[in-house]
């Protein structure tokens, strides 16, 4: 059942075209203010994260080189796990969005960064930056809506294989980088005729090259350098990659798939204006509440709503603008989905279970994308 506001109207239903464009203008104003304010403090922040990540990785690798001693294994694995999480979330993801291109530093530029992840950066930028952030939660346009494997909307056709999607997620979580790498090859697009075999072969070659380097680094080179500690070093690297995968899977799923996050049909976005695009980003995302350390480790994707509204703004600014975005949502009667990690995680699993079976389940609030009606 759709909740009603004090006037007996579903949230956002009273937004006419003028108010919808007013919302867009107010959000554009926030964006412009952040762009104008970027400077030395932001540069210092990202360089501090880079230095911290590299220090943790160096410390972790050093400790694992003598990991026959259990305390060294525990310390090295912990440091390497955190380093990989930082590199993947706060650095790789955000640098590849171009959040730091304004600095003009080739060391942290979206065109030069290659991250510690199986998916080549260019392939990920295509499927994530372009397809996902353009068509957020639009059924049949946003492939990230269920990553082709999961059914996450009542507007997606149910198939018998969806009965097993809770099992898929249990398997996917510890192997997340492998799942994303295979997904970014777009084999479904090849089968549907939207991608040529030649393009697929080129992408597959890039993936195999990147995967070979990644596997050789973590499971051959560093274990061999550890000498007598080769086996515990290898196990430490495997554990660090698994921890990173579990964390990344949790943060991404909790920012996109809690029960109150909306999905949309192509009819919803017909003639979409700037204000309507912003509204879709807000309703198609969820925030995760936590402290400063949590947000850094999550790549500031605990502010997923702000990230979807402003994907190329510096991630350290999301905490600053989140209260303003939430105030605008309250002003215009737009649901702002947020909650602690445990609640969003449980809600995400609820969605996975609900859509595993036939039926057009709906969130408690319907999409309010058609502001102009």
Protein backbone atom coordinates (compact mmCIF):
# COMPACT_ATOMS: atom_id res chain seq x y z
CA UNK A 1 0.00 0.00 0.00
CA UNK A 2 1.33 3.45 -0.92
CA UNK A 3 1.65 5.73 2.14
CA UNK A 4 -0.07 9.09 1.99
CA UNK A 5 1.20 12.50 3.02
CA UNK A 6 -0.78 14.90 5.22
CA UNK A 7 -2.86 15.97 2.24
CA UNK A 8 -3.85 12.39 1.42
CA UNK A 9 -1.56 12.33 -1.61
CA UNK A 10 1.13 9.75 -2.35
CA UNK A 11 4.66 11.12 -1.75
CA UNK A 12 5.83 13.22 -4.68
CA UNK A 13 2.48 13.02 -6.48
CA UNK A 14 1.86 16.74 -5.96
CA UNK A 15 5.03 17.66 -7.87
CA UNK A 16 3.98 19.46 -11.00
CA UNK A 17 6.35 20.24 -13.85
CA UNK A 18 7.40 23.60 -12.42
CA UNK A 19 8.20 22.13 -8.99
CA UNK A 20 10.03 19.25 -10.62
CA UNK A 21 12.27 21.62 -12.53
CA UNK A 22 12.70 23.67 -9.36
CA UNK A 23 14.03 20.52 -7.67
CA UNK A 24 16.47 20.04 -10.54
CA UNK A 25 17.64 23.64 -10.30
CA UNK A 26 18.24 23.34 -6.56
CA UNK A 27 20.27 20.17 -7.02
CA UNK A 28 22.21 21.77 -9.87
CA UNK A 29 22.97 24.64 -7.51
CA UNK A 30 24.44 22.22 -4.93
CA UNK A 31 26.57 20.68 -7.65
CA UNK A 32 27.84 24.07 -8.86
CA UNK A 33 28.72 25.14 -5.32
CA UNK A 34 30.80 22.00 -4.72
CA UNK A 35 32.60 22.37 -8.05
CA UNK A 36 33.43 26.00 -7.23
CA UNK A 37 34.70 25.05 -3.76
CA UNK A 38 36.99 22.17 -4.80
CA UNK A 39 40.57 22.87 -3.89
CA UNK A 40 43.59 22.13 -1.72
CA UNK A 41 41.63 20.45 1.07
CA UNK A 42 40.06 17.96 -1.33
CA UNK A 43 43.42 17.26 -2.99
CA UNK A 44 44.98 16.70 0.42
CA UNK A 45 42.19 14.26 1.31
CA UNK A 46 42.59 12.02 -1.72
CA UNK A 47 46.39 12.05 -1.53
CA UNK A 48 46.16 11.07 2.12
CA UNK A 49 43.92 8.13 1.19
CA UNK A 50 46.35 7.09 -1.55
CA UNK A 51 49.30 7.24 0.86
CA UNK A 52 47.38 5.35 3.55
CA UNK A 53 46.33 2.65 1.11
CA UNK A 54 49.86 2.18 -0.18
CA UNK A 55 51.27 2.10 3.34
CA UNK A 56 48.77 -0.54 4.40
CA UNK A 57 49.48 -2.64 1.33
CA UNK A 58 53.24 -2.41 1.83
CA UNK A 59 52.88 -3.28 5.51
CA UNK A 60 50.54 -6.17 4.72
CA UNK A 61 52.81 -7.61 2.03
CA UNK A 62 55.83 -7.30 4.33
CA UNK A 63 54.09 -9.05 7.21
CA UNK A 64 52.84 -11.84 4.94
CA UNK A 65 56.42 -12.39 3.76
CA UNK A 66 57.15 -13.76 7.26
CA UNK A 67 53.68 -15.19 7.87
CA UNK A 68 54.88 -18.53 9.19
CA UNK A 69 54.47 -16.62 12.46
CA UNK A 70 50.70 -16.52 13.15
CA UNK A 71 50.66 -12.92 14.51
CA UNK A 72 52.41 -11.75 11.31
CA UNK A 73 49.82 -13.62 9.20
CA UNK A 74 46.91 -12.04 11.09
CA UNK A 75 48.38 -8.52 10.92
CA UNK A 76 49.42 -8.85 7.28
CA UNK A 77 46.08 -10.24 6.16
CA UNK A 78 44.18 -7.53 8.03
CA UNK A 79 46.30 -4.73 6.55
CA UNK A 80 46.11 -6.15 3.04
CA UNK A 81 42.33 -6.61 3.32
CA UNK A 82 41.84 -2.97 4.32
CA UNK A 83 44.26 -1.82 1.61
CA UNK A 84 42.32 -3.73 -1.06
CA UNK A 85 39.00 -2.34 0.20
CA UNK A 86 40.35 1.23 0.11
CA UNK A 87 41.83 0.73 -3.35
CA UNK A 88 38.63 -0.75 -4.71
CA UNK A 89 36.07 1.52 -3.08
CA UNK A 90 37.43 4.97 -2.20
CA UNK A 91 40.13 5.04 -4.87
CA UNK A 92 39.36 2.85 -7.91
CA UNK A 93 35.61 3.33 -8.10
CA UNK A 94 35.72 7.08 -7.51
CA UNK A 95 38.82 7.88 -9.56
CA UNK A 96 37.34 6.01 -12.53
CA UNK A 97 34.24 8.20 -12.21
CA UNK A 98 36.48 11.17 -12.91
CA UNK A 99 35.96 12.64 -9.45
CA UNK A 100 39.58 13.82 -9.26
CA UNK A 101 40.25 14.66 -12.92
CA UNK A 102 39.96 18.37 -12.08
CA UNK A 103 43.32 18.13 -10.26
CA UNK A 104 45.13 17.35 -13.51
CA UNK A 105 47.27 14.73 -11.76
CA UNK A 106 47.93 11.81 -14.14
CA UNK A 107 48.59 9.52 -11.16
CA UNK A 108 44.93 9.71 -10.06
CA UNK A 109 43.14 10.42 -13.33
CA UNK A 110 40.24 8.42 -14.76
CA UNK A 111 42.08 7.90 -18.05
CA UNK A 112 45.23 6.43 -16.48
CA UNK A 113 44.11 4.56 -13.35
CA UNK A 114 44.07 0.75 -13.47
CA UNK A 115 42.68 -0.76 -10.30
CA UNK A 116 43.39 -3.89 -8.28
CA UNK A 117 40.35 -5.69 -9.66
CA UNK A 118 39.84 -8.35 -12.34
CA UNK A 119 37.72 -6.11 -14.59
CA UNK A 120 39.83 -3.83 -16.81
CA UNK A 121 39.10 -0.19 -16.02
CA UNK A 122 37.82 0.67 -19.50
CA UNK A 123 35.32 -2.21 -19.53
CA UNK A 124 34.01 -1.24 -16.10
CA UNK A 125 33.63 2.43 -17.06
CA UNK A 126 31.45 1.38 -19.99
CA UNK A 127 29.04 -0.84 -18.06
CA UNK A 128 29.04 1.21 -14.84
CA UNK A 129 29.61 4.87 -15.65
CA UNK A 130 27.72 4.90 -18.92
CA UNK A 131 25.04 2.21 -18.82
CA UNK A 132 24.24 2.03 -15.11
CA UNK A 133 24.47 5.70 -14.17
CA UNK A 134 22.55 6.80 -17.27
CA UNK A 135 19.72 4.27 -16.99
CA UNK A 136 19.63 3.74 -13.22
CA UNK A 137 17.07 1.04 -12.33
CA UNK A 138 15.25 1.21 -15.68
CA UNK A 139 14.11 -2.31 -16.52
CA UNK A 140 15.71 -3.60 -19.74
CA UNK A 141 18.07 -0.61 -19.91
CA UNK A 142 20.11 -0.85 -16.68
CA UNK A 143 21.93 -4.19 -16.74
CA UNK A 144 23.08 -3.55 -13.15
CA UNK A 145 19.47 -4.10 -12.08
CA UNK A 146 20.11 -7.68 -11.00
CA UNK A 147 23.32 -8.02 -13.05
CA UNK A 148 21.38 -10.14 -15.58
CA UNK A 149 21.31 -13.01 -13.06
CA UNK A 150 18.90 -11.67 -10.40
CA UNK A 151 15.28 -10.60 -10.69
CA UNK A 152 14.92 -7.40 -8.64
CA UNK A 153 11.70 -5.89 -10.00
CA UNK A 154 8.16 -7.00 -10.62
CA UNK A 155 8.53 -5.57 -14.12
CA UNK A 156 11.22 -8.14 -14.91
CA UNK A 157 9.95 -11.39 -16.35
CA UNK A 158 10.10 -14.27 -13.89
CA UNK A 159 11.91 -17.42 -14.99
CA UNK A 160 12.34 -20.72 -13.10
CA UNK A 161 16.07 -20.03 -12.64
CA UNK A 162 15.19 -17.11 -10.38
CA UNK A 163 14.13 -19.60 -7.70
CA UNK A 164 17.83 -20.15 -7.07
CA UNK A 165 18.83 -16.50 -6.82
CA UNK A 166 19.34 -16.60 -3.02
CA UNK A 167 21.94 -19.31 -3.71
CA UNK A 168 23.42 -17.22 -6.52
CA UNK A 169 24.05 -14.38 -4.09
CA UNK A 170 25.70 -16.64 -1.53
CA UNK A 171 28.08 -17.85 -4.24
CA UNK A 172 28.55 -14.42 -5.82
CA UNK A 173 29.48 -12.53 -2.66
CA UNK A 174 32.92 -14.12 -1.98
CA UNK A 175 33.64 -14.25 -5.74
CA UNK A 176 32.28 -10.80 -6.52
CA UNK A 177 35.19 -9.56 -8.66
CA UNK A 178 34.87 -12.66 -10.86
CA UNK A 179 31.14 -12.16 -11.22
CA UNK A 180 31.55 -8.49 -12.18
CA UNK A 181 34.37 -9.30 -14.61
CA UNK A 182 32.24 -11.87 -16.44
CA UNK A 183 29.24 -9.55 -16.34
CA UNK A 184 31.28 -6.70 -17.87
CA UNK A 185 32.05 -8.93 -20.87
CA UNK A 186 28.33 -8.58 -21.74
CA UNK A 187 27.74 -12.12 -23.03
CA UNK A 188 23.98 -11.44 -22.85
CA UNK A 189 24.43 -8.51 -25.25
CA UNK A 190 26.24 -10.81 -27.68
CA UNK A 191 23.40 -13.36 -27.49
CA UNK A 192 20.86 -10.58 -28.11
CA UNK A 193 22.79 -9.20 -31.06
CA UNK A 194 23.61 -5.87 -29.36
CA UNK A 195 27.34 -6.63 -29.26
CA UNK A 196 29.49 -8.17 -31.97
CA UNK A 197 31.56 -11.28 -31.49
CA UNK A 198 34.64 -9.30 -32.52
CA UNK A 199 34.03 -6.78 -29.74
CA UNK A 200 33.41 -9.61 -27.28
CA UNK A 201 36.66 -11.31 -28.31
CA UNK A 202 38.59 -8.07 -27.76
CA UNK A 203 37.04 -7.61 -24.32
CA UNK A 204 37.72 -11.26 -23.44
CA UNK A 205 41.35 -10.82 -24.41
CA UNK A 206 41.60 -7.75 -22.16
CA UNK A 207 39.99 -9.62 -19.29
CA UNK A 208 42.26 -12.66 -19.64
CA UNK A 209 45.33 -10.42 -19.73
CA UNK A 210 44.23 -8.51 -16.64
CA UNK A 211 43.18 -11.66 -14.77
CA UNK A 212 46.51 -13.32 -15.54
CA UNK A 213 48.40 -10.36 -14.07
CA UNK A 214 46.17 -10.24 -10.99
CA UNK A 215 46.42 -13.97 -10.29
CA UNK A 216 50.17 -14.02 -10.90
CA UNK A 217 50.72 -11.09 -8.53
CA UNK A 218 48.72 -12.41 -5.58
CA UNK A 219 49.11 -16.16 -5.97
CA UNK A 220 52.52 -16.62 -7.60
CA UNK A 221 54.87 -13.64 -7.30
CA UNK A 222 54.35 -12.60 -3.68
CA UNK A 223 54.12 -16.18 -2.34
CA UNK A 224 57.39 -17.02 -4.11
CA UNK A 225 59.02 -13.92 -2.64
CA UNK A 226 57.87 -15.10 0.80
CA UNK A 227 60.04 -18.22 0.53
CA UNK A 228 59.30 -20.48 3.54
CA UNK A 229 56.12 -18.45 4.16
CA UNK A 230 54.81 -19.06 0.62
CA UNK A 231 51.72 -21.05 1.60
CA UNK A 232 50.49 -18.78 4.42
CA UNK A 233 51.25 -15.78 2.21
CA UNK A 234 49.11 -17.24 -0.57
CA UNK A 235 46.30 -17.95 1.92
CA UNK A 236 46.59 -14.40 3.27
CA UNK A 237 46.24 -12.96 -0.22
CA UNK A 238 43.25 -15.22 -0.90
CA UNK A 239 41.64 -14.16 2.38
CA UNK A 240 42.23 -10.46 1.66
CA UNK A 241 40.64 -10.76 -1.79
CA UNK A 242 37.67 -12.64 -0.32
CA UNK A 243 37.16 -10.07 2.43
CA UNK A 244 37.28 -7.29 -0.15
CA UNK A 245 34.76 -9.12 -2.35
CA UNK A 246 32.35 -9.72 0.55
CA UNK A 247 32.54 -6.08 1.63
CA UNK A 248 32.13 -4.71 -1.90
CA UNK A 249 29.16 -6.97 -2.61
CA UNK A 250 27.50 -5.92 0.64
CA UNK A 251 27.96 -2.18 0.10
CA UNK A 252 26.87 -2.23 -3.55
CA UNK A 253 23.81 -4.40 -2.96
CA UNK A 254 22.76 -2.39 0.11
CA UNK A 255 23.01 0.83 -1.88
CA UNK A 256 20.89 -0.41 -4.78
CA UNK A 257 18.49 -3.17 -3.72
CA UNK A 258 16.79 -2.52 -0.35
CA UNK A 259 13.05 -3.06 -0.48
CA UNK A 260 12.03 0.61 -0.76
CA UNK A 261 14.31 1.39 -3.70
CA UNK A 262 12.27 2.00 -6.85
CA UNK A 263 12.60 0.52 -10.31
CA UNK A 264 11.25 2.08 -13.49
CA UNK A 265 9.95 1.14 -16.90
CA UNK A 266 10.89 2.83 -20.15
CA UNK A 267 7.52 4.60 -20.06
CA UNK A 268 8.60 6.34 -16.84
CA UNK A 269 11.58 7.97 -18.56
CA UNK A 270 9.91 9.00 -21.81
CA UNK A 271 10.69 12.69 -22.29
CA UNK A 272 12.63 12.73 -19.01
CA UNK A 273 13.79 16.19 -17.91
CA UNK A 274 16.79 17.07 -15.76
CA UNK A 275 14.60 17.27 -12.66
CA UNK A 276 13.05 13.90 -13.43
CA UNK A 277 16.48 12.37 -13.94
CA UNK A 278 17.51 13.58 -10.49
CA UNK A 279 14.32 12.17 -9.00
CA UNK A 280 14.99 8.78 -10.55
CA UNK A 281 18.51 8.73 -9.14
CA UNK A 282 17.19 9.55 -5.66
CA UNK A 283 14.39 6.98 -5.73
CA UNK A 284 16.61 4.35 -7.34
CA UNK A 285 19.24 4.42 -4.58
CA UNK A 286 19.57 3.89 -0.83
CA UNK A 287 21.94 5.30 1.77
CA UNK A 288 23.68 3.37 4.54
CA UNK A 289 24.20 5.14 7.85
CA UNK A 290 27.56 4.99 9.60
CA UNK A 291 30.51 6.93 10.94
CA UNK A 292 33.42 8.57 9.08
CA UNK A 293 35.56 5.42 8.98
CA UNK A 294 32.66 3.38 7.62
CA UNK A 295 32.09 5.91 4.85
CA UNK A 296 35.75 5.97 3.82
CA UNK A 297 35.87 2.16 3.70
CA UNK A 298 32.64 2.10 1.69
CA UNK A 299 34.08 4.56 -0.83
CA UNK A 300 31.52 7.02 0.56
CA UNK A 301 28.89 4.85 -1.14
CA UNK A 302 26.99 4.89 2.12
CA UNK A 303 25.88 8.16 0.47
CA UNK A 304 24.64 6.26 -2.58
CA UNK A 305 21.80 8.74 -3.21
CA UNK A 306 24.24 11.63 -3.40
CA UNK A 307 26.64 9.57 -5.50
CA UNK A 308 23.94 8.78 -8.04
CA UNK A 309 22.85 12.40 -8.19
CA UNK A 310 26.44 13.66 -8.48
CA UNK A 311 28.68 10.75 -9.59
CA UNK A 312 31.65 12.92 -10.56
CA UNK A 313 31.85 15.11 -7.45
CA UNK A 314 34.66 14.32 -4.97
CA UNK A 315 33.49 11.53 -2.68
CA UNK A 316 34.61 13.34 0.47
CA UNK A 317 31.95 15.98 -0.25
CA UNK A 318 28.98 13.60 -0.09
CA UNK A 319 28.71 13.73 3.71
CA UNK A 320 28.62 17.53 3.49
CA UNK A 321 25.81 17.72 0.94
CA UNK A 322 23.74 14.74 2.15
CA UNK A 323 21.75 16.79 4.72
CA UNK A 324 20.90 19.34 2.02
CA UNK A 325 19.71 16.65 -0.38
CA UNK A 326 17.62 15.07 2.37
CA UNK A 327 16.06 18.46 3.22
CA UNK A 328 15.08 18.90 -0.44
CA UNK A 329 13.49 15.44 -0.44
CA UNK A 330 11.48 16.39 2.65
CA UNK A 331 10.52 19.70 1.05
CA UNK A 332 9.16 18.01 -2.08
CA UNK A 333 7.74 14.92 -0.35
CA UNK A 334 10.21 12.50 -1.95
CA UNK A 335 11.12 9.32 -0.04
CA UNK A 336 14.78 9.29 1.04
CA UNK A 337 15.70 5.66 1.69
CA UNK A 338 18.32 5.36 4.43
CA UNK A 339 19.15 3.11 7.36
CA UNK A 340 21.96 1.30 9.19
CA UNK A 341 23.90 -1.43 7.41
CA UNK A 342 22.14 -4.30 9.20
CA UNK A 343 18.71 -2.99 8.17
CA UNK A 344 19.66 -2.36 4.54
CA UNK A 345 21.32 -5.77 4.34
CA UNK A 346 18.22 -7.51 5.68
CA UNK A 347 15.98 -5.50 3.36
CA UNK A 348 18.16 -6.41 0.38
CA UNK A 349 17.90 -10.09 1.20
CA UNK A 350 14.14 -9.62 1.53
CA UNK A 351 14.02 -8.26 -2.00
CA UNK A 352 16.14 -11.12 -3.33
CA UNK A 353 13.79 -13.64 -1.72
CA UNK A 354 10.56 -11.88 -2.79
CA UNK A 355 11.48 -11.68 -6.45
CA UNK A 356 12.82 -15.23 -6.54
CA UNK A 357 9.20 -16.35 -6.85
CA UNK A 358 6.53 -15.26 -9.36
CA UNK A 359 4.55 -12.11 -8.61
CA UNK A 360 4.69 -8.36 -9.18
CA UNK A 361 5.70 -7.27 -5.69
CA UNK A 362 5.84 -3.53 -5.27
CA UNK A 363 7.75 -1.32 -2.80
CA UNK A 364 5.63 0.61 -0.33
CA UNK A 365 6.03 3.77 -2.41
CA UNK A 366 5.54 3.84 -6.16
CA UNK A 367 7.98 5.62 -8.50
CA UNK A 368 7.36 9.36 -8.73
CA UNK A 369 9.29 9.93 -11.92
CA UNK A 370 6.58 11.63 -13.98
CA UNK A 371 6.88 15.09 -12.43
CA UNK A 372 5.41 16.78 -15.45
CA UNK A 373 2.00 15.06 -15.28
